[in-house]
Amino acid sequence: MRTSSDLLPDFTLPPFAGAPEARFAPLPADGVLPEGFFSTSNLPTYVHADGKWLAPIRPRMDCVVVKRPSLLETIEPRRLKRGDIIAMGEAEDGTEGIVVHAQGFLGGGHGANEFRFMSTEVSRERPVNYEELAARLGEEKRRRGYLVWVIGPALVHSRARADFEWFIRNGYVQAVLAGNAVAVHDIEAAVFGTTLGMSNTGQPTEGGHGLHMRAINRVRAGGSIERAVETGLVKSGIMHALITSRVPYVLAGSIRDDGPLPGVYSDALQAQDAMREHTVKATGAIFVATALHAIAVGNMLPAFYLCDGVPAPLMTICVDQTEFVVNKLKDRGTHQAYGVVTNAQDFMHVLRFYTERWEQAPA
């Protein structure tokens, strides 16, 4: 059982006590870092500056720590300008005024204060405690947490669409991050009753291969997904639930997109910026059936969030039908992820069953 003493460091003890102040240096040019800069991880980090130990805001891996007049901020290098002041040093043990306090956040068999890639394994033989997962989601809802869902189109194709609608409408979703295809096939299902031309029993339909293009065209003719919901073109589904429940979403495009739908970010960096505004607020994240989006969002997520000023592990669940995707996510640094190796339909059905049961239990 973790306690606050595990997760909140004692600054009167080593490696904090006696540590020097961190060094800072300016950028020599826009987006160009001075050699020897400190590269962030997704773990709780403290920087000794102006006589105090400060935790940079907006944490994420693969960024730098920028000194502002009254705080430190974690920022992507591409966003910085010449003269911006950043933290310097490569050590994480306090010898250069920076400590990565990983106690309680790392999985695998490595040291307690060690951030590394390629460190954990996942197996389809591992049992899944859906009762516990449902309780975790319920507690996040009860305390008004911020649950970010990252979903792939397989969730729509696998007939898990109605289950996800239920989670949206019942307050278990605070933001959705997805690609153009999720919205396209969800809207195709709402308008034509098919996804990629397949019926809800998985059978191909006559001329079905073009139905997703017809769905895109109708939405584009109306001007936006929101307008398609307002006019009654889209009367059900994930996008309908998000818009009518006023849940924010970000649709990030890719090189293979059809259309895309209005509102999809076709610029990858703009999409990343929009997604990051939700990951910085996350107290939990659920990735379902999406390899690339899961890894991308995982790289934006810290391994923790602040609960009454104390770092708490950020619940991260990754669901896929192969171990490869879950391991890939963990290997890229999202070591806190709990892997569930199953298909989207089964996961959503069973999780909904246990979540509904949790709701009916006495508080």
Protein backbone atom coordinates (compact mmCIF):
# COMPACT_ATOMS: atom_id res chain seq x y z
CA MET A 1 0.00 0.00 0.00
CA ARG A 2 1.54 3.30 -1.08
CA THR A 3 1.48 6.22 1.35
CA SER A 4 1.96 9.91 0.74
CA SER A 5 5.49 9.58 2.13
CA ASP A 6 6.29 7.21 -0.74
CA LEU A 7 5.10 9.67 -3.35
CA LEU A 8 5.90 13.09 -1.90
CA PRO A 9 9.65 13.51 -1.33
CA ASP A 10 11.22 14.67 1.93
CA PHE A 11 13.30 17.65 0.87
CA THR A 12 15.32 17.52 4.10
CA LEU A 13 16.92 14.21 3.08
CA PRO A 14 19.26 13.19 0.25
CA PRO A 15 19.25 13.45 -2.70
CA PHE A 16 17.55 16.80 -2.05
CA ALA A 17 19.45 17.94 1.02
CA GLY A 18 22.74 19.53 0.06
CA ALA A 19 22.04 19.49 -3.67
CA PRO A 20 23.28 22.48 -5.67
CA GLU A 21 20.98 24.84 -7.51
CA ALA A 22 20.13 23.80 -11.03
CA ARG A 23 21.86 25.51 -13.92
CA PHE A 24 19.90 27.31 -16.63
CA ALA A 25 20.95 28.53 -20.06
CA PRO A 26 19.29 30.39 -22.96
CA LEU A 27 18.37 28.92 -26.35
CA PRO A 28 20.87 30.01 -29.02
CA ALA A 29 18.16 29.98 -31.72
CA ASP A 30 14.45 29.27 -32.14
CA GLY A 31 13.80 25.60 -31.40
CA VAL A 32 17.52 24.84 -30.90
CA LEU A 33 18.61 23.74 -27.42
CA PRO A 34 22.00 24.40 -25.84
CA GLU A 35 24.06 21.21 -25.55
CA GLY A 36 23.72 19.54 -22.16
CA PHE A 37 20.04 20.40 -21.67
CA PHE A 38 17.88 18.40 -19.26
CA SER A 39 15.50 16.04 -21.11
CA THR A 40 12.32 15.28 -19.15
CA SER A 41 10.70 11.93 -18.38
CA ASN A 42 7.06 11.36 -17.44
CA LEU A 43 7.91 10.89 -13.74
CA PRO A 44 7.68 13.43 -10.88
CA THR A 45 10.58 15.86 -11.28
CA TYR A 46 11.89 18.54 -8.92
CA VAL A 47 14.28 21.35 -9.82
CA HIS A 48 16.29 23.33 -7.26
CA ALA A 49 15.86 26.97 -8.25
CA ASP A 50 15.97 30.22 -6.29
CA GLY A 51 16.41 28.36 -3.01
CA LYS A 52 13.34 26.15 -3.49
CA TRP A 53 12.52 22.74 -4.94
CA LEU A 54 9.96 23.33 -7.69
CA ALA A 55 7.93 20.82 -9.68
CA PRO A 56 7.51 21.97 -13.31
CA ILE A 57 3.90 22.28 -14.44
CA ARG A 58 2.43 20.46 -17.50
CA PRO A 59 4.79 17.44 -17.19
CA ARG A 60 5.48 15.06 -20.09
CA MET A 61 8.41 13.10 -21.46
CA ASP A 62 10.80 14.29 -24.17
CA CYS A 63 10.53 17.99 -23.32
CA VAL A 64 12.62 20.59 -21.50
CA VAL A 65 12.08 22.63 -18.33
CA VAL A 66 11.65 26.34 -19.01
CA LYS A 67 12.16 28.98 -16.33
CA ARG A 68 9.38 31.55 -16.07
CA PRO A 69 9.25 34.52 -13.64
CA SER A 70 7.24 32.61 -11.01
CA LEU A 71 7.30 28.95 -12.06
CA LEU A 72 8.90 26.21 -14.14
CA GLU A 73 7.08 24.78 -17.13
CA THR A 74 7.61 21.64 -19.20
CA ILE A 75 7.49 22.59 -22.89
CA GLU A 76 8.17 20.96 -26.24
CA PRO A 77 11.42 22.32 -27.76
CA ARG A 78 9.70 23.21 -31.04
CA ARG A 79 7.65 25.82 -29.18
CA LEU A 80 10.62 27.70 -27.73
CA LYS A 81 12.30 30.86 -28.97
CA ARG A 82 15.83 32.18 -28.88
CA GLY A 83 16.68 33.45 -25.40
CA ASP A 84 14.18 31.23 -23.52
CA ILE A 85 15.87 29.92 -20.36
CA ILE A 86 15.94 26.16 -19.83
CA ALA A 87 17.27 23.76 -17.18
CA MET A 88 20.64 22.17 -17.87
CA GLY A 89 22.14 18.84 -16.82
CA GLU A 90 21.86 15.15 -17.59
CA ALA A 91 21.89 13.75 -14.04
CA GLU A 92 18.59 12.90 -12.34
CA ASP A 93 19.98 12.19 -8.85
CA GLY A 94 20.28 15.74 -7.50
CA THR A 95 23.97 16.20 -8.28
CA GLU A 96 23.04 18.88 -10.82
CA GLY A 97 20.09 20.30 -8.90
CA ILE A 98 17.45 18.10 -10.55
CA VAL A 99 15.81 15.02 -9.03
CA VAL A 100 13.50 12.57 -10.79
CA HIS A 101 11.52 11.09 -7.89
CA ALA A 102 10.24 7.82 -9.30
CA GLN A 103 9.40 6.03 -6.04
CA GLY A 104 6.02 4.32 -6.40
CA PHE A 105 5.63 4.97 -10.12
CA LEU A 106 7.81 2.45 -11.94
CA GLY A 107 6.85 -1.08 -12.84
CA GLY A 108 9.18 -3.89 -13.82
CA GLY A 109 12.33 -5.00 -12.09
CA HIS A 110 14.48 -1.88 -12.25
CA GLY A 111 15.60 0.50 -9.58
CA ALA A 112 13.16 2.69 -7.69
CA ASN A 113 14.46 5.90 -9.24
CA GLU A 114 15.09 4.78 -12.79
CA PHE A 115 13.24 5.82 -15.94
CA ARG A 116 13.91 3.57 -18.90
CA PHE A 117 12.34 2.01 -21.96
CA MET A 118 11.88 -1.69 -22.83
CA SER A 119 11.29 -2.79 -19.25
CA THR A 120 8.02 -4.72 -18.88
CA GLU A 121 6.04 -7.62 -20.31
CA VAL A 122 2.34 -8.29 -20.92
CA SER A 123 0.59 -11.63 -21.39
CA ARG A 124 -2.84 -12.62 -22.66
CA GLU A 125 -2.81 -15.26 -19.90
CA ARG A 126 -2.89 -12.60 -17.21
CA PRO A 127 -6.39 -12.44 -15.61
CA VAL A 128 -8.25 -9.14 -15.84
CA ASN A 129 -9.95 -7.87 -12.71
CA TYR A 130 -12.86 -6.03 -14.34
CA GLU A 131 -14.44 -5.46 -10.96
CA GLU A 132 -11.41 -3.44 -9.89
CA LEU A 133 -11.23 -1.54 -13.19
CA ALA A 134 -14.91 -0.61 -12.90
CA ALA A 135 -14.40 0.55 -9.33
CA ARG A 136 -11.45 2.71 -10.41
CA LEU A 137 -13.58 4.34 -13.13
CA GLY A 138 -16.39 4.82 -10.66
CA GLU A 139 -14.13 6.49 -8.12
CA GLU A 140 -12.79 8.84 -10.81
CA LYS A 141 -16.37 9.82 -11.67
CA ARG A 142 -17.32 10.22 -8.00
CA ARG A 143 -14.42 12.59 -7.28
CA ARG A 144 -14.85 14.46 -10.58
CA GLY A 145 -11.63 13.22 -12.16
CA TYR A 146 -10.70 13.73 -15.80
CA LEU A 147 -10.84 10.49 -17.79
CA VAL A 148 -9.34 10.67 -21.27
CA TRP A 149 -10.35 7.90 -23.70
CA VAL A 150 -8.22 7.15 -26.76
CA ILE A 151 -10.07 4.93 -29.21
CA GLY A 152 -9.55 3.30 -32.60
CA PRO A 153 -12.08 2.40 -35.33
CA ALA A 154 -12.12 -1.25 -34.25
CA LEU A 155 -14.23 -0.12 -31.32
CA VAL A 156 -16.88 1.00 -33.82
CA HIS A 157 -16.59 -2.06 -36.08
CA SER A 158 -16.71 -4.52 -33.18
CA ARG A 159 -20.18 -3.46 -32.03
CA ALA A 160 -18.83 -1.80 -28.91
CA ARG A 161 -20.22 1.55 -30.09
CA ALA A 162 -23.35 1.44 -27.93
CA ASP A 163 -21.31 0.55 -24.85
CA PHE A 164 -19.04 3.54 -25.36
CA GLU A 165 -22.11 5.75 -25.82
CA TRP A 166 -23.25 4.54 -22.40
CA PHE A 167 -19.95 5.53 -20.78
CA ILE A 168 -20.13 8.99 -22.39
CA ARG A 169 -23.71 9.68 -21.35
CA ASN A 170 -23.12 8.44 -17.80
CA GLY A 171 -20.19 10.71 -16.99
CA TYR A 172 -17.21 8.36 -17.39
CA VAL A 173 -15.68 10.28 -20.30
CA GLN A 174 -14.24 13.78 -20.01
CA ALA A 175 -12.41 13.86 -23.36
CA VAL A 176 -11.98 11.62 -26.42
CA LEU A 177 -8.86 11.58 -28.57
CA ALA A 178 -9.19 9.69 -31.84
CA GLY A 179 -8.58 9.76 -35.56
CA ASN A 180 -10.72 10.70 -38.52
CA ALA A 181 -11.69 7.04 -39.09
CA VAL A 182 -13.44 6.69 -35.72
CA ALA A 183 -15.77 9.59 -36.47
CA VAL A 184 -16.26 8.57 -40.11
CA HIS A 185 -17.35 5.01 -39.35
CA ASP A 186 -19.43 6.07 -36.37
CA ILE A 187 -21.29 8.56 -38.57
CA GLU A 188 -21.61 5.97 -41.34
CA ALA A 189 -23.26 3.68 -38.78
CA ALA A 190 -25.61 6.48 -37.70
CA VAL A 191 -26.63 7.40 -41.26
CA PHE A 192 -26.50 4.10 -43.14
CA GLY A 193 -26.40 1.42 -40.45
CA THR A 194 -23.03 0.07 -41.65
CA THR A 195 -19.33 0.48 -40.84
CA LEU A 196 -16.99 0.22 -43.83
CA GLY A 197 -19.97 -1.21 -45.66
CA MET A 198 -20.54 -4.04 -43.18
CA SER A 199 -23.86 -4.62 -41.47
CA ASN A 200 -23.98 -4.90 -37.70
CA THR A 201 -23.68 -8.67 -38.11
CA GLY A 202 -20.44 -8.27 -40.05
CA GLN A 203 -21.92 -9.01 -43.50
CA PRO A 204 -20.95 -6.93 -46.56
CA THR A 205 -23.67 -4.84 -48.19
CA GLU A 206 -24.25 -3.97 -51.84
CA GLY A 207 -22.27 -0.83 -52.64
CA GLY A 208 -21.16 -0.67 -49.04
CA HIS A 209 -17.55 0.12 -49.88
CA GLY A 210 -18.54 3.70 -50.72
CA LEU A 211 -20.86 4.42 -47.82
CA HIS A 212 -18.17 5.97 -45.61
CA MET A 213 -17.40 8.40 -48.45
CA ARG A 214 -21.09 9.28 -48.74
CA ALA A 215 -21.22 9.87 -44.98
CA ILE A 216 -18.21 12.21 -45.17
CA ASN A 217 -19.79 14.08 -48.08
CA ARG A 218 -23.06 14.66 -46.24
CA VAL A 219 -21.27 16.05 -43.20
CA ARG A 220 -19.08 18.28 -45.34
CA ALA A 221 -22.16 19.57 -47.14
CA GLY A 222 -23.66 20.48 -43.77
CA GLY A 223 -20.49 22.23 -42.64
CA SER A 224 -19.53 20.35 -39.46
CA ILE A 225 -20.15 17.29 -37.32
CA GLU A 226 -21.93 19.51 -34.79
CA ARG A 227 -24.25 20.76 -37.51
CA ALA A 228 -24.93 17.19 -38.64
CA VAL A 229 -26.13 16.42 -35.11
CA GLU A 230 -28.18 19.62 -34.86
CA THR A 231 -30.00 18.98 -38.15
CA GLY A 232 -30.77 15.35 -37.33
CA LEU A 233 -28.51 13.84 -39.97
CA VAL A 234 -26.66 12.06 -37.13
CA LYS A 235 -29.13 10.82 -34.51
CA SER A 236 -27.07 8.28 -32.61
CA GLY A 237 -23.57 7.03 -31.96
CA ILE A 238 -20.34 8.18 -30.37
CA MET A 239 -20.14 11.61 -32.02
CA HIS A 240 -23.81 12.29 -31.25
CA ALA A 241 -23.21 11.37 -27.60
CA LEU A 242 -20.09 13.52 -27.34
CA ILE A 243 -21.75 16.59 -28.84
CA THR A 244 -25.07 16.33 -27.00
CA SER A 245 -23.25 15.58 -23.71
CA ARG A 246 -20.81 18.45 -24.35
CA VAL A 247 -17.76 16.23 -24.01
CA PRO A 248 -14.71 17.63 -25.85
CA TYR A 249 -12.95 15.59 -28.52
CA VAL A 250 -9.90 15.89 -30.76
CA LEU A 251 -9.79 14.17 -34.15
CA ALA A 252 -6.24 13.91 -35.48
CA GLY A 253 -5.77 13.21 -39.17
CA SER A 254 -3.24 11.01 -40.92
CA ILE A 255 -1.73 10.58 -44.37
CA ARG A 256 -4.26 7.86 -45.20
CA ASP A 257 -7.44 9.77 -44.30
CA ASP A 258 -10.49 9.88 -46.55
CA GLY A 259 -12.13 13.29 -46.66
CA PRO A 260 -11.34 14.11 -43.95
CA LEU A 261 -14.37 15.21 -41.96
CA PRO A 262 -14.67 18.89 -41.06
CA GLY A 263 -12.94 19.62 -37.76
CA VAL A 264 -10.20 17.02 -38.18
CA TYR A 265 -6.70 18.36 -37.54
CA SER A 266 -4.69 17.64 -40.66
CA ASP A 267 -1.58 19.28 -39.20
CA ALA A 268 0.03 16.74 -36.85
CA LEU A 269 1.59 19.34 -34.56
CA GLN A 270 -1.68 21.25 -34.23
CA ALA A 271 -3.35 17.96 -33.34
CA GLN A 272 -0.66 17.23 -30.76
CA ASP A 273 -1.14 20.65 -29.18
CA ALA A 274 -4.92 20.16 -29.01
CA MET A 275 -4.53 16.69 -27.47
CA ARG A 276 -2.03 17.94 -24.91
CA GLU A 277 -4.57 20.36 -23.46
CA HIS A 278 -6.49 17.28 -22.31
CA THR A 279 -3.57 15.08 -21.27
CA VAL A 280 -2.33 17.74 -18.83
CA LYS A 281 -5.69 17.50 -17.02
CA ALA A 282 -5.94 13.70 -17.06
CA THR A 283 -6.35 11.71 -13.86
CA GLY A 284 -6.88 8.53 -15.86
CA ALA A 285 -6.58 7.30 -19.45
CA ILE A 286 -8.13 4.36 -21.30
CA PHE A 287 -6.71 3.31 -24.68
CA VAL A 288 -8.87 0.92 -26.70
CA ALA A 289 -7.84 -0.73 -29.98
CA THR A 290 -5.48 1.90 -31.30
CA ALA A 291 -1.73 1.41 -31.60
CA LEU A 292 -0.48 4.71 -32.99
CA HIS A 293 -2.84 6.95 -31.04
CA ALA A 294 -2.14 5.06 -27.82
CA ILE A 295 1.61 5.50 -28.16
CA ALA A 296 1.24 9.15 -29.18
CA VAL A 297 -1.00 10.01 -26.24
CA GLY A 298 1.10 7.88 -23.91
CA ASN A 299 4.09 10.07 -24.77
CA MET A 300 2.09 13.14 -23.74
CA LEU A 301 0.87 11.69 -20.45
CA PRO A 302 2.79 12.00 -17.21
CA ALA A 303 2.86 8.89 -15.03
CA PHE A 304 1.18 10.88 -12.25
CA TYR A 305 -1.24 13.64 -11.43
CA LEU A 306 -1.41 15.88 -8.37
CA CYS A 307 -4.01 14.93 -5.75
CA ASP A 308 -4.11 17.59 -3.01
CA GLY A 309 -0.57 18.50 -3.96
CA VAL A 310 0.74 14.94 -3.71
CA PRO A 311 1.74 12.99 -6.86
CA ALA A 312 -0.59 10.02 -7.39
CA PRO A 313 -0.16 7.31 -10.06
CA LEU A 314 -2.18 8.09 -13.16
CA MET A 315 -4.40 5.11 -14.01
CA THR A 316 -3.61 4.09 -17.59
CA ILE A 317 -5.37 1.12 -19.20
CA CYS A 318 -4.33 -0.14 -22.64
CA VAL A 319 -6.62 -2.61 -24.43
CA ASP A 320 -5.71 -4.49 -27.58
CA GLN A 321 -6.17 -7.97 -28.97
CA THR A 322 -2.40 -8.48 -29.25
CA GLU A 323 0.39 -8.23 -26.71
CA PHE A 324 2.42 -6.32 -29.29
CA VAL A 325 0.50 -3.06 -28.96
CA VAL A 326 0.44 -3.09 -25.18
CA ASN A 327 4.15 -3.92 -24.99
CA LYS A 328 4.97 -1.29 -27.61
CA LEU A 329 3.23 1.35 -25.50
CA LYS A 330 5.07 0.31 -22.36
CA ASP A 331 8.38 0.05 -24.23
CA ARG A 332 7.98 3.65 -25.39
CA GLY A 333 7.92 4.88 -21.80
CA THR A 334 4.31 4.53 -20.62
CA HIS A 335 5.45 2.01 -18.04
CA GLN A 336 2.45 2.67 -15.79
CA ALA A 337 0.04 1.20 -18.35
CA TYR A 338 -2.06 -1.77 -17.27
CA GLY A 339 -2.38 -4.08 -20.26
CA VAL A 340 -5.59 -5.89 -21.16
CA VAL A 341 -5.14 -8.31 -24.05
CA THR A 342 -8.59 -8.80 -25.55
CA ASN A 343 -10.80 -7.37 -28.28
CA ALA A 344 -12.65 -4.07 -28.00
CA GLN A 345 -16.12 -5.60 -28.03
CA ASP A 346 -15.50 -7.97 -25.14
CA PHE A 347 -13.68 -5.35 -23.09
CA MET A 348 -16.38 -2.70 -23.47
CA HIS A 349 -19.24 -5.15 -22.84
CA VAL A 350 -17.69 -6.61 -19.71
CA LEU A 351 -16.44 -3.27 -18.35
CA ARG A 352 -19.90 -1.78 -18.78
CA PHE A 353 -21.48 -4.76 -16.99
CA TYR A 354 -19.23 -4.32 -13.96
CA THR A 355 -19.50 -0.53 -14.00
CA GLU A 356 -23.29 -0.71 -13.97
CA ARG A 357 -23.05 -3.17 -11.09
CA TRP A 358 -20.69 -0.78 -9.26
CA GLU A 359 -23.23 2.03 -9.69
CA GLN A 360 -25.97 -0.10 -8.11
CA ALA A 361 -23.85 -1.06 -5.10
CA PRO A 362 -24.33 0.88 -1.82
CA ALA A 363 -21.95 3.84 -1.55
